[in-house]
C-alpha atoms as a PDB file:
ATOM      1  CA  MET A   1       9.789  22.431 -47.818  1.00  0.00           C
ATOM      2  CA  THR A   2      10.344  21.062 -44.322  1.00  0.00           C
ATOM      3  CA  GLU A   3       7.771  18.457 -43.339  1.00  0.00           C
ATOM      4  CA  THR A   4       5.662  19.462 -40.340  1.00  0.00           C
ATOM      5  CA  LYS A   5       6.027  16.888 -37.593  1.00  0.00           C
ATOM      6  CA  ARG A   6       3.065  15.831 -35.536  1.00  0.00           C
ATOM      7  CA  LEU A   7       2.967  15.804 -31.746  1.00  0.00           C
ATOM      8  CA  ILE A   8       0.218  14.079 -29.768  1.00  0.00           C
ATOM      9  CA  LEU A   9      -0.146  14.987 -26.085  1.00  0.00           C
ATOM     10  CA  VAL A  10      -1.804  12.429 -23.801  1.00  0.00           C
ATOM     11  CA  LEU A  11      -3.577  14.341 -21.054  1.00  0.00           C
ATOM     12  CA  GLY A  12      -5.200  13.013 -17.913  1.00  0.00           C
ATOM     13  CA  MET A  13      -4.836  12.533 -14.188  1.00  0.00           C
ATOM     14  CA  HIS A  14      -2.330  10.329 -12.387  1.00  0.00           C
ATOM     15  CA  ARG A  15      -3.840   6.839 -12.038  1.00  0.00           C
ATOM     16  CA  GLY A  16      -6.367   7.926 -14.648  1.00  0.00           C
ATOM     17  CA  GLY A  17      -5.752   5.430 -17.461  1.00  0.00           C
ATOM     18  CA  THR A  18      -3.248   7.425 -19.511  1.00  0.00           C
ATOM     19  CA  SER A  19      -0.804   4.501 -19.678  1.00  0.00           C
ATOM     20  CA  ALA A  20      -3.356   2.174 -21.260  1.00  0.00           C
ATOM     21  CA  ALA A  21      -4.416   4.845 -23.740  1.00  0.00           C
ATOM     22  CA  THR A  22      -0.821   5.676 -24.667  1.00  0.00           C
ATOM     23  CA  ARG A  23      -0.137   2.021 -25.445  1.00  0.00           C
ATOM     24  CA  GLY A  24      -3.039   2.357 -27.858  1.00  0.00           C
ATOM     25  CA  LEU A  25      -1.252   5.194 -29.651  1.00  0.00           C
ATOM     26  CA  ALA A  26       1.764   2.934 -30.073  1.00  0.00           C
ATOM     27  CA  ALA A  27      -0.527   0.378 -31.734  1.00  0.00           C
ATOM     28  CA  LEU A  28      -1.525   3.129 -34.178  1.00  0.00           C
ATOM     29  CA  GLY A  29       2.072   3.807 -35.158  1.00  0.00           C
ATOM     30  CA  VAL A  30       2.839   6.730 -32.836  1.00  0.00           C
ATOM     31  CA  ALA A  31       6.433   6.772 -31.541  1.00  0.00           C
ATOM     32  CA  LEU A  32       6.833   7.133 -27.780  1.00  0.00           C
ATOM     33  CA  GLY A  33      10.617   7.339 -27.370  1.00  0.00           C
ATOM     34  CA  GLY A  34      13.441   4.897 -26.896  1.00  0.00           C
ATOM     35  CA  ARG A  35      13.883   5.302 -23.134  1.00  0.00           C
ATOM     36  CA  LEU A  36      10.605   4.485 -21.464  1.00  0.00           C
ATOM     37  CA  MET A  37       9.865   4.307 -17.761  1.00  0.00           C
ATOM     38  CA  PRO A  38      10.051   0.611 -16.764  1.00  0.00           C
ATOM     39  CA  PRO A  39       7.016  -1.275 -15.441  1.00  0.00           C
ATOM     40  CA  HIS A  40       6.332  -1.176 -11.715  1.00  0.00           C
ATOM     41  CA  ALA A  41       4.134  -2.995  -9.251  1.00  0.00           C
ATOM     42  CA  ILE A  42       1.595  -0.166  -9.476  1.00  0.00           C
ATOM     43  CA  ASN A  43       1.617  -0.361 -13.283  1.00  0.00           C
ATOM     44  CA  GLU A  44       2.552  -3.879 -14.235  1.00  0.00           C
ATOM     45  CA  LYS A  45       2.228  -3.495 -18.011  1.00  0.00           C
ATOM     46  CA  GLY A  46       4.245  -0.317 -18.211  1.00  0.00           C
ATOM     47  CA  PHE A  47       3.817   3.460 -18.113  1.00  0.00           C
ATOM     48  CA  PHE A  48       4.770   4.181 -21.777  1.00  0.00           C
ATOM     49  CA  GLU A  49       6.287   7.395 -20.504  1.00  0.00           C
ATOM     50  CA  ASP A  50       9.455   8.885 -21.983  1.00  0.00           C
ATOM     51  CA  LEU A  51      12.003   9.262 -19.191  1.00  0.00           C
ATOM     52  CA  ASP A  52      13.641  12.276 -20.832  1.00  0.00           C
ATOM     53  CA  ILE A  53      10.323  14.144 -20.759  1.00  0.00           C
ATOM     54  CA  TYR A  54       9.555  12.939 -17.237  1.00  0.00           C
ATOM     55  CA  GLU A  55      12.921  14.112 -15.888  1.00  0.00           C
ATOM     56  CA  LEU A  56      12.571  17.507 -17.522  1.00  0.00           C
ATOM     57  CA  ASP A  57       9.043  17.927 -16.143  1.00  0.00           C
ATOM     58  CA  GLU A  58      10.204  17.046 -12.643  1.00  0.00           C
ATOM     59  CA  ALA A  59      13.045  19.562 -12.918  1.00  0.00           C
ATOM     60  CA  LEU A  60      10.629  22.196 -14.218  1.00  0.00           C
ATOM     61  CA  LEU A  61       8.251  21.673 -11.304  1.00  0.00           C
ATOM     62  CA  ALA A  62      11.172  21.903  -8.876  1.00  0.00           C
ATOM     63  CA  THR A  63      12.317  25.145 -10.517  1.00  0.00           C
ATOM     64  CA  LEU A  64       8.829  26.554  -9.996  1.00  0.00           C
ATOM     65  CA  GLY A  65       8.706  25.296  -6.408  1.00  0.00           C
ATOM     66  CA  GLU A  66       5.775  23.056  -7.342  1.00  0.00           C
ATOM     67  CA  THR A  67       4.881  19.357  -7.297  1.00  0.00           C
ATOM     68  CA  TRP A  68       2.665  17.212  -9.470  1.00  0.00           C
ATOM     69  CA  HIS A  69       0.066  17.146  -6.692  1.00  0.00           C
ATOM     70  CA  GLY A  70      -0.100  20.857  -5.941  1.00  0.00           C
ATOM     71  CA  PHE A  71      -3.552  22.170  -5.028  1.00  0.00           C
ATOM     72  CA  LEU A  72      -3.208  25.428  -6.971  1.00  0.00           C
ATOM     73  CA  PRO A  73      -3.071  25.652 -10.770  1.00  0.00           C
ATOM     74  CA  ILE A  74       0.206  27.133 -11.961  1.00  0.00           C
ATOM     75  CA  PRO A  75      -0.448  30.633 -13.403  1.00  0.00           C
ATOM     76  CA  PRO A  76       0.665  30.764 -17.084  1.00  0.00           C
ATOM     77  CA  GLU A  77       2.836  33.831 -16.428  1.00  0.00           C
ATOM     78  CA  ARG A  78       5.060  31.755 -14.156  1.00  0.00           C
ATOM     79  CA  PHE A  79       6.335  29.902 -17.223  1.00  0.00           C
ATOM     80  CA  LEU A  80       7.731  33.229 -18.473  1.00  0.00           C
ATOM     81  CA  GLU A  81       9.971  33.732 -15.433  1.00  0.00           C
ATOM     82  CA  SER A  82      13.690  34.012 -16.105  1.00  0.00           C
ATOM     83  CA  ALA A  83      14.389  30.897 -14.023  1.00  0.00           C
ATOM     84  CA  VAL A  84      12.282  28.882 -16.466  1.00  0.00           C
ATOM     85  CA  GLN A  85      14.007  30.147 -19.616  1.00  0.00           C
ATOM     86  CA  SER A  86      16.847  27.601 -19.480  1.00  0.00           C
ATOM     87  CA  MET A  87      14.281  24.834 -18.962  1.00  0.00           C
ATOM     88  CA  ARG A  88      12.411  26.023 -22.045  1.00  0.00           C
ATOM     89  CA  GLU A  89      15.594  25.923 -24.120  1.00  0.00           C
ATOM     90  CA  LYS A  90      16.305  22.373 -22.930  1.00  0.00           C
ATOM     91  CA  ALA A  91      12.729  21.355 -23.694  1.00  0.00           C
ATOM     92  CA  LEU A  92      12.960  22.769 -27.202  1.00  0.00           C
ATOM     93  CA  VAL A  93      16.158  20.858 -27.958  1.00  0.00           C
ATOM     94  CA  LEU A  94      14.641  17.686 -26.500  1.00  0.00           C
ATOM     95  CA  LEU A  95      11.367  18.018 -28.387  1.00  0.00           C
ATOM     96  CA  ARG A  96      13.135  18.646 -31.693  1.00  0.00           C
ATOM     97  CA  GLU A  97      15.156  15.477 -31.136  1.00  0.00           C
ATOM     98  CA  LYS A  98      12.001  13.487 -30.437  1.00  0.00           C
ATOM     99  CA  LEU A  99      10.150  14.888 -33.452  1.00  0.00           C
ATOM    100  CA  ALA A 100      13.113  14.154 -35.706  1.00  0.00           C
ATOM    101  CA  SER A 101      12.973  10.479 -34.715  1.00  0.00           C
ATOM    102  CA  ALA A 102       9.516   9.773 -36.166  1.00  0.00           C
ATOM    103  CA  PRO A 103       6.724  11.373 -38.243  1.00  0.00           C
ATOM    104  CA  ILE A 104       4.361  11.294 -35.258  1.00  0.00           C
ATOM    105  CA  PHE A 105       5.564  11.462 -31.670  1.00  0.00           C
ATOM    106  CA  GLY A 106       3.448  11.048 -28.554  1.00  0.00           C
ATOM    107  CA  ILE A 107       4.154  12.442 -25.087  1.00  0.00           C
ATOM    108  CA  LYS A 108       2.475  11.019 -22.023  1.00  0.00           C
ATOM    109  CA  ASP A 109       3.105  12.419 -18.557  1.00  0.00           C
ATOM    110  CA  PRO A 110       0.335  13.030 -16.006  1.00  0.00           C
ATOM    111  CA  ARG A 111       2.179  16.254 -15.126  1.00  0.00           C
ATOM    112  CA  LEU A 112       1.319  17.667 -18.553  1.00  0.00           C
ATOM    113  CA  PRO A 113      -2.020  19.289 -17.602  1.00  0.00           C
ATOM    114  CA  ARG A 114      -0.213  21.381 -14.959  1.00  0.00           C
ATOM    115  CA  LEU A 115       2.532  22.239 -17.449  1.00  0.00           C
ATOM    116  CA  LEU A 116       0.413  22.599 -20.586  1.00  0.00           C
ATOM    117  CA  PRO A 117       1.146  26.314 -21.293  1.00  0.00           C
ATOM    118  CA  PHE A 118       4.860  25.556 -21.138  1.00  0.00           C
ATOM    119  CA  TRP A 119       4.740  22.615 -23.562  1.00  0.00           C
ATOM    120  CA  LEU A 120       2.349  24.283 -26.001  1.00  0.00           C
ATOM    121  CA  ALA A 121       4.741  27.235 -26.229  1.00  0.00           C
ATOM    122  CA  VAL A 122       7.672  24.866 -26.826  1.00  0.00           C
ATOM    123  CA  ALA A 123       5.692  22.949 -29.459  1.00  0.00           C
ATOM    124  CA  ARG A 124       4.858  26.180 -31.295  1.00  0.00           C
ATOM    125  CA  GLU A 125       8.532  27.124 -31.341  1.00  0.00           C
ATOM    126  CA  ALA A 126       9.350  23.655 -32.674  1.00  0.00           C
ATOM    127  CA  LYS A 127       6.671  24.197 -35.366  1.00  0.00           C
ATOM    128  CA  ALA A 128       4.907  20.986 -34.434  1.00  0.00           C
ATOM    129  CA  ASP A 129       1.327  20.170 -35.375  1.00  0.00           C
ATOM    130  CA  VAL A 130      -0.168  19.430 -31.954  1.00  0.00           C
ATOM    131  CA  SER A 131      -3.216  17.293 -31.175  1.00  0.00           C
ATOM    132  CA  ALA A 132      -4.461  15.779 -27.932  1.00  0.00           C
ATOM    133  CA  LEU A 133      -5.784  12.547 -26.501  1.00  0.00           C
ATOM    134  CA  ILE A 134      -7.655  13.273 -23.264  1.00  0.00           C
ATOM    135  CA  VAL A 135      -8.289  10.284 -21.001  1.00  0.00           C
ATOM    136  CA  SER A 136     -11.072  10.505 -18.444  1.00  0.00           C
ATOM    137  CA  ARG A 137     -11.489   8.045 -15.588  1.00  0.00           C
ATOM    138  CA  HIS A 138     -14.112   8.442 -12.887  1.00  0.00           C
ATOM    139  CA  PRO A 139     -12.685  10.615 -10.077  1.00  0.00           C
ATOM    140  CA  GLN A 140     -13.784   8.151  -7.408  1.00  0.00           C
ATOM    141  CA  ALA A 141     -11.746   5.345  -8.995  1.00  0.00           C
ATOM    142  CA  VAL A 142      -8.759   7.690  -9.341  1.00  0.00           C
ATOM    143  CA  ALA A 143      -9.112   8.704  -5.684  1.00  0.00           C
ATOM    144  CA  ALA A 144      -9.221   5.082  -4.526  1.00  0.00           C
ATOM    145  CA  SER A 145      -6.066   4.299  -6.506  1.00  0.00           C
ATOM    146  CA  LEU A 146      -4.214   7.371  -5.223  1.00  0.00           C
ATOM    147  CA  GLN A 147      -5.174   6.534  -1.654  1.00  0.00           C
ATOM    148  CA  GLU A 148      -3.586   3.116  -2.165  1.00  0.00           C
ATOM    149  CA  VAL A 149      -0.347   4.249  -3.842  1.00  0.00           C
ATOM    150  CA  ALA A 150       0.162   7.753  -2.398  1.00  0.00           C
ATOM    151  CA  GLY A 151      -1.930   7.877   0.775  1.00  0.00           C
ATOM    152  CA  PHE A 152      -4.018  10.822  -0.454  1.00  0.00           C
ATOM    153  CA  GLN A 153      -7.408  11.568   1.060  1.00  0.00           C
ATOM    154  CA  LYS A 154     -10.186  11.288  -1.496  1.00  0.00           C
ATOM    155  CA  GLU A 155     -11.092  14.978  -1.199  1.00  0.00           C
ATOM    156  CA  LYS A 156      -7.577  15.959  -2.238  1.00  0.00           C
ATOM    157  CA  SER A 157      -7.661  13.535  -5.159  1.00  0.00           C
ATOM    158  CA  HIS A 158     -11.012  14.880  -6.356  1.00  0.00           C
ATOM    159  CA  LEU A 159      -9.629  18.431  -6.393  1.00  0.00           C
ATOM    160  CA  LEU A 160      -6.477  17.311  -8.212  1.00  0.00           C
ATOM    161  CA  TRP A 161      -8.566  15.400 -10.760  1.00  0.00           C
ATOM    162  CA  LEU A 162     -10.780  18.420 -11.331  1.00  0.00           C
ATOM    163  CA  GLN A 163      -7.765  20.686 -11.809  1.00  0.00           C
ATOM    164  CA  ALA A 164      -6.081  18.327 -14.288  1.00  0.00           C
ATOM    165  CA  MET A 165      -9.157  17.644 -16.392  1.00  0.00           C
ATOM    166  CA  LEU A 166     -10.277  21.290 -16.557  1.00  0.00           C
ATOM    167  CA  ALA A 167      -6.758  22.276 -17.669  1.00  0.00           C
ATOM    168  CA  ALA A 168      -6.684  19.506 -20.287  1.00  0.00           C
ATOM    169  CA  GLU A 169     -10.048  20.527 -21.734  1.00  0.00           C
ATOM    170  CA  ALA A 170      -9.433  24.276 -21.748  1.00  0.00           C
ATOM    171  CA  GLY A 171      -5.933  24.015 -23.182  1.00  0.00           C
ATOM    172  CA  THR A 172      -6.898  21.890 -26.194  1.00  0.00           C
ATOM    173  CA  ARG A 173      -9.987  23.652 -27.545  1.00  0.00           C
ATOM    174  CA  ASP A 174      -8.242  25.048 -30.606  1.00  0.00           C
ATOM    175  CA  MET A 175      -6.624  21.795 -31.742  1.00  0.00           C
ATOM    176  CA  ARG A 176      -7.589  18.386 -33.034  1.00  0.00           C
ATOM    177  CA  ARG A 177      -8.471  16.243 -30.035  1.00  0.00           C
ATOM    178  CA  VAL A 178     -10.355  13.196 -28.838  1.00  0.00           C
ATOM    179  CA  VAL A 179     -11.686  12.291 -25.395  1.00  0.00           C
ATOM    180  CA  VAL A 180     -11.628   8.648 -24.312  1.00  0.00           C
ATOM    181  CA  ASP A 181     -13.409   7.183 -21.314  1.00  0.00           C
ATOM    182  CA  TYR A 182     -11.139   4.730 -19.496  1.00  0.00           C
ATOM    183  CA  ASP A 183     -13.892   2.246 -18.655  1.00  0.00           C
ATOM    184  CA  ALA A 184     -15.129   2.256 -22.247  1.00  0.00           C
ATOM    185  CA  LEU A 185     -11.553   1.688 -23.428  1.00  0.00           C
ATOM    186  CA  LEU A 186     -11.224  -1.427 -21.294  1.00  0.00           C
ATOM    187  CA  SER A 187     -14.684  -2.693 -22.223  1.00  0.00           C
ATOM    188  CA  ASP A 188     -14.351  -2.217 -25.988  1.00  0.00           C
ATOM    189  CA  PRO A 189     -10.761  -1.399 -26.941  1.00  0.00           C
ATOM    190  CA  ALA A 190     -11.206  -1.964 -30.672  1.00  0.00           C
ATOM    191  CA  THR A 191     -14.056   0.528 -30.953  1.00  0.00           C
ATOM    192  CA  GLN A 192     -12.338   3.140 -28.814  1.00  0.00           C
ATOM    193  CA  LEU A 193      -9.002   2.824 -30.579  1.00  0.00           C
ATOM    194  CA  SER A 194     -10.786   3.159 -33.924  1.00  0.00           C
ATOM    195  CA  ARG A 195     -12.357   6.384 -32.612  1.00  0.00           C
ATOM    196  CA  VAL A 196      -8.925   7.671 -31.638  1.00  0.00           C
ATOM    197  CA  ALA A 197      -7.533   6.845 -35.071  1.00  0.00           C
ATOM    198  CA  THR A 198     -10.401   8.567 -36.860  1.00  0.00           C
ATOM    199  CA  ARG A 199     -10.408  11.708 -34.723  1.00  0.00           C
ATOM    200  CA  LEU A 200      -6.620  12.123 -34.750  1.00  0.00           C
ATOM    201  CA  GLY A 201      -6.019  11.138 -38.356  1.00  0.00           C
ATOM    202  CA  LEU A 202      -4.093   7.954 -37.599  1.00  0.00           C
ATOM    203  CA  GLU A 203      -4.157   4.600 -39.339  1.00  0.00           C
ATOM    204  CA  ALA A 204      -5.645   1.553 -37.655  1.00  0.00           C
ATOM    205  CA  ASP A 205      -5.441  -1.945 -39.036  1.00  0.00           C
ATOM    206  CA  ALA A 206      -7.101  -5.112 -37.810  1.00  0.00           C
ATOM    207  CA  ALA A 207      -3.847  -6.646 -36.587  1.00  0.00           C
ATOM    208  CA  ALA A 208      -2.965  -3.583 -34.495  1.00  0.00           C
ATOM    209  CA  LEU A 209      -6.446  -3.462 -32.980  1.00  0.00           C
ATOM    210  CA  ALA A 210      -6.328  -7.174 -32.122  1.00  0.00           C
ATOM    211  CA  ALA A 211      -2.872  -6.846 -30.544  1.00  0.00           C
ATOM    212  CA  TYR A 212      -4.009  -3.917 -28.439  1.00  0.00           C
ATOM    213  CA  ALA A 213      -7.140  -5.738 -27.283  1.00  0.00           C
ATOM    214  CA  ALA A 214      -4.958  -8.672 -26.241  1.00  0.00           C
ATOM    215  CA  PHE A 215      -2.629  -6.325 -24.356  1.00  0.00           C
ATOM    216  CA  LEU A 216      -5.372  -4.789 -22.225  1.00  0.00           C
ATOM    217  CA  ASP A 217      -6.349  -6.788 -19.168  1.00  0.00           C
ATOM    218  CA  PRO A 218      -9.490  -5.588 -17.359  1.00  0.00           C
ATOM    219  CA  ARG A 219      -8.329  -7.533 -14.293  1.00  0.00           C
ATOM    220  CA  LEU A 220      -5.656  -4.885 -13.779  1.00  0.00           C
ATOM    221  CA  ARG A 221      -8.422  -2.381 -13.028  1.00  0.00           C
ATOM    222  CA  HIS A 222      -8.252  -2.730  -9.252  1.00  0.00           C
ATOM    223  CA  PHE A 223     -10.464   0.248  -8.438  1.00  0.00           C
ATOM    224  CA  HIS A 224     -13.961   1.079  -9.604  1.00  0.00           C
ATOM    225  CA  ALA A 225     -16.159   4.142  -9.280  1.00  0.00           C
ATOM    226  CA  GLY A 226     -18.346   4.356  -6.205  1.00  0.00           C
ATOM    227  CA  ASP A 227     -21.591   6.187  -5.717  1.00  0.00           C
ATOM    228  CA  ALA A 228     -20.878   8.071  -2.500  1.00  0.00           C
ATOM    229  CA  GLY A 229     -18.580  10.882  -1.497  1.00  0.00           C
ATOM    230  CA  VAL A 230     -17.670  12.288  -4.909  1.00  0.00           C
ATOM    231  CA  LEU A 231     -17.194  16.035  -5.099  1.00  0.00           C
ATOM    232  CA  PRO A 232     -20.318  17.170  -7.026  1.00  0.00           C
ATOM    233  CA  GLU A 233     -18.314  19.407  -9.354  1.00  0.00           C
ATOM    234  CA  ALA A 234     -15.959  16.539 -10.181  1.00  0.00           C
ATOM    235  CA  GLU A 235     -18.955  14.304 -10.887  1.00  0.00           C
ATOM    236  CA  ARG A 236     -20.399  16.995 -13.148  1.00  0.00           C
ATOM    237  CA  LEU A 237     -17.133  17.398 -15.044  1.00  0.00           C
ATOM    238  CA  HIS A 238     -16.845  13.649 -15.497  1.00  0.00           C
ATOM    239  CA  GLY A 239     -20.341  13.673 -16.980  1.00  0.00           C
ATOM    240  CA  LEU A 240     -19.443  16.413 -19.464  1.00  0.00           C
ATOM    241  CA  LEU A 241     -16.300  14.567 -20.534  1.00  0.00           C
ATOM    242  CA  ALA A 242     -18.354  11.395 -20.929  1.00  0.00           C
ATOM    243  CA  VAL A 243     -20.503  13.221 -23.498  1.00  0.00           C
ATOM    244  CA  LEU A 244     -17.378  14.209 -25.447  1.00  0.00           C
ATOM    245  CA  ALA A 245     -16.157  10.612 -25.177  1.00  0.00           C
ATOM    246  CA  ARG A 246     -19.346   9.582 -27.022  1.00  0.00           C
ATOM    247  CA  ASP A 247     -18.605  12.216 -29.681  1.00  0.00           C
ATOM    248  CA  GLY A 248     -21.406  14.406 -28.391  1.00  0.00           C
ATOM    249  CA  ALA A 249     -21.370  18.185 -28.092  1.00  0.00           C
ATOM    250  CA  VAL A 250     -20.924  20.164 -24.881  1.00  0.00           C
ATOM    251  CA  PRO A 251     -21.085  23.982 -24.777  1.00  0.00           C
ATOM    252  CA  GLN A 252     -17.794  25.506 -23.670  1.00  0.00           C
ATOM    253  CA  ALA A 253     -19.756  27.550 -21.157  1.00  0.00           C
ATOM    254  CA  ALA A 254     -20.482  24.359 -19.201  1.00  0.00           C
ATOM    255  CA  PHE A 255     -16.766  23.813 -18.666  1.00  0.00           C
ATOM    256  CA  ASP A 256     -16.195  27.518 -18.030  1.00  0.00           C
ATOM    257  CA  ARG A 257     -18.740  27.502 -15.194  1.00  0.00           C
ATOM    258  CA  LEU A 258     -16.806  24.732 -13.465  1.00  0.00           C
ATOM    259  CA  ALA A 259     -13.550  26.633 -14.007  1.00  0.00           C
ATOM    260  CA  SER A 260     -15.163  29.725 -12.432  1.00  0.00           C
ATOM    261  CA  TRP A 261     -16.254  27.638  -9.462  1.00  0.00           C
ATOM    262  CA  GLN A 262     -12.687  26.361  -9.131  1.00  0.00           C
ATOM    263  CA  ALA A 263     -11.402  29.953  -9.144  1.00  0.00           C
ATOM    264  CA  THR A 264     -13.576  30.784  -6.133  1.00  0.00           C
ATOM    265  CA  LEU A 265     -11.693  28.093  -4.207  1.00  0.00           C
ATOM    266  CA  LEU A 266      -8.238  29.617  -4.698  1.00  0.00           C
ATOM    267  CA  PRO A 267      -8.038  31.335  -1.267  1.00  0.00           C
ATOM    268  CA  SER A 268      -9.056  28.101   0.458  1.00  0.00           C
ATOM    269  CA  LEU A 269      -6.723  26.071  -1.724  1.00  0.00           C
ATOM    270  CA  SER A 270      -3.835  28.321  -0.681  1.00  0.00           C
ATOM    271  CA  TRP A 271      -4.430  27.382   2.953  1.00  0.00           C
ATOM    272  CA  MET A 272      -4.829  23.735   1.997  1.00  0.00           C
ATOM    273  CA  ARG A 273      -1.520  23.899   0.153  1.00  0.00           C
ATOM    274  CA  PHE A 274       0.168  25.342   3.244  1.00  0.00           C
ATOM    275  CA  ALA A 275      -1.339  22.629   5.453  1.00  0.00           C
ATOM    276  CA  ASP A 276      -0.424  19.915   2.966  1.00  0.00           C
ATOM    277  CA  THR A 277       3.173  21.149   2.744  1.00  0.00           C
ATOM    278  CA  THR A 278       3.460  21.335   6.532  1.00  0.00           C
ATOM    279  CA  ILE A 279       2.110  17.812   6.931  1.00  0.00           C
ATOM    280  CA  THR A 280       4.556  16.536   4.322  1.00  0.00           C
ATOM    281  CA  GLN A 281       7.479  18.205   6.113  1.00  0.00           C
ATOM    282  CA  LEU A 282       6.389  16.702   9.426  1.00  0.00           C
ATOM    283  CA  GLN A 283       6.097  13.276   7.826  1.00  0.00           C
ATOM    284  CA  VAL A 284       9.621  13.592   6.429  1.00  0.00           C
ATOM    285  CA  GLU A 285      10.919  14.615   9.867  1.00  0.00           C
ATOM    286  CA  GLN A 286       9.033  11.760  11.512  1.00  0.00           C
ATOM    287  CA  ALA A 287      10.549   9.293   9.037  1.00  0.00           C
ATOM    288  CA  ARG A 288      14.032  10.687   9.768  1.00  0.00           C
ATOM    289  CA  LEU A 289      13.574  10.367  13.532  1.00  0.00           C
ATOM    290  CA  GLU A 290      12.196   6.848  13.179  1.00  0.00           C
ATOM    291  CA  ALA A 291      15.212   5.914  11.052  1.00  0.00           C
ATOM    292  CA  ASP A 292      17.563   7.374  13.681  1.00  0.00           C
ATOM    293  CA  LEU A 293      15.759   5.466  16.446  1.00  0.00           C
ATOM    294  CA  SER A 294      15.947   2.236  14.482  1.00  0.00           C
ATOM    295  CA  ALA A 295      19.672   2.743  13.856  1.00  0.00           C
ATOM    296  CA  ALA A 296      20.254   3.420  17.576  1.00  0.00           C
ATOM    297  CA  ARG A 297      18.377   0.280  18.554  1.00  0.00           C
ATOM    298  CA  THR A 298      20.446  -1.711  16.078  1.00  0.00           C
ATOM    299  CA  ARG A 299      23.672  -0.344  17.568  1.00  0.00           C
ATOM    300  CA  ILE A 300      22.502  -1.119  21.112  1.00  0.00           C
ATOM    301  CA  ALA A 301      21.523  -4.648  20.118  1.00  0.00           C
ATOM    302  CA  GLY A 302      24.947  -5.136  18.534  1.00  0.00           C
ATOM    303  CA  LEU A 303      26.667  -3.837  21.647  1.00  0.00           C
ATOM    304  CA  GLU A 304      24.665  -6.050  23.979  1.00  0.00           C
ATOM    305  CA  SER A 305      25.484  -9.144  21.943  1.00  0.00           C
ATOM    306  CA  SER A 306      29.217  -8.403  21.802  1.00  0.00           C
ATOM    307  CA  THR A 307      31.872 -10.380  23.711  1.00  0.00           C
ATOM    308  CA  SER A 308      33.088  -7.296  25.593  1.00  0.00           C
ATOM    309  CA  TRP A 309      29.562  -6.652  26.844  1.00  0.00           C
ATOM    310  CA  ARG A 310      29.280 -10.199  28.185  1.00  0.00           C
ATOM    311  CA  ILE A 311      32.766 -10.090  29.819  1.00  0.00           C
ATOM    312  CA  THR A 312      32.034  -6.811  31.588  1.00  0.00           C
ATOM    313  CA  ALA A 313      28.630  -7.936  32.893  1.00  0.00           C
ATOM    314  CA  PRO A 314      29.999  -8.610  36.468  1.00  0.00           C
ATOM    315  CA  LEU A 315      31.561  -5.138  36.571  1.00  0.00           C
ATOM    316  CA  ARG A 316      28.247  -3.514  35.610  1.00  0.00           C
ATOM    317  CA  ALA A 317      26.480  -5.551  38.300  1.00  0.00           C
ATOM    318  CA  LEU A 318      29.064  -4.417  40.884  1.00  0.00           C
ATOM    319  CA  ALA A 319      28.639  -0.802  39.757  1.00  0.00           C
ATOM    320  CA  ARG A 320      24.886  -1.026  40.234  1.00  0.00           C
ATOM    321  CA  ALA A 321      25.356  -2.497  43.705  1.00  0.00           C
ATOM    322  CA  LEU A 322      27.808   0.238  44.707  1.00  0.00           C
ATOM    323  CA  ARG A 323      25.422   2.937  43.505  1.00  0.00           C
ATOM    324  CA  GLY A 324      22.833   1.569  45.929  1.00  0.00           C
ATOM    325  CA  TYR A 325      25.256   1.164  48.860  1.00  0.00           C
ATOM    326  CA  ARG A 326      25.081   3.751  51.679  1.00  0.00           C
ATOM    327  CA  PRO A 327      27.805   3.688  54.441  1.00  0.00           C
ATOM    328  CA  PRO A 328      26.756   3.735  58.155  1.00  0.00           C
ATOM    329  CA  GLY A 329      26.026   7.245  59.478  1.00  0.00           C
ATOM    330  CA  LYS A 330      24.982   8.534  56.060  1.00  0.00           C
ATOM    331  CA  GLY A 331      21.485   7.214  55.934  1.00  0.00           C
ATOM    332  CA  GLY A 332      22.505   3.542  56.016  1.00  0.00           C
ATOM    333  CA  ALA A 333      21.735   0.940  58.712  1.00  0.00           C
ATOM    334  CA  ALA A 334      23.207   1.496  62.248  1.00  0.00           C
ATOM    335  CA  ALA A 335      26.250  -0.548  63.282  1.00  0.00           C
END
């Protein structure tokens, strides 16, 4: 009998603590892939994100004409379009390769909540046993971080956070899952990682817990939650997820009410998407024009410092003088 391979999906918002949580899975023996995204100034300790998965997700979004920061949820039926079929076949081959490399494989990509129907369908075809680690960070802290690294207004970030977290919760109701609060993870990593191990059926030993606690550095948390300006619905959703992160119970209807509220926004979000796309296009054009202007100034500066420019300076002075000269009888001085 073929052994069923396990797949753990790490779900959360960009800048929402998924990297730190995914490193915790590695401490619990979950494989993450051999080609990980390298560390960056915005994530100094690493993303723990498989580049093969990342590249496929980016290509999938491009095929759908979407981005990771789109205002509108992607309708599930769009993943059935013929243009997506080749992407699904590639994803299936890729996922089978990853699952064959280890008994338990973890995928972390903040794009996953937007692409969850696609990956769940691929996982079913690969006959993987899927479970989820949902990471919740306060939307105000996420918004502050996104404003720093992406220039997003906080209102946009709150809507994106709400979309991602609602999709993560709704899409994982029928599977084994655990919700982790990012601040709690940083404050007490051993306890939180033990929770993850228990809820997901993983093994945790004292050495792994100690190594993970040493890895986490609360000083890397540059942004904290504020009290003002949070979208009330995002604040409410964060509160519900916080209950789950304490292993409490929340009626599904509470999440469904927030999803219904989100659905009422779709007409407005369509206009916001149009405005956001237009602004992005204008910014790209502005950057191109500024680059052209800078290149022209560089060429002019090079010309003005050249030997030929200096040698011909008297000729240019004479030309200017002649342009201002007016012969007698044609508006010049009388003889």
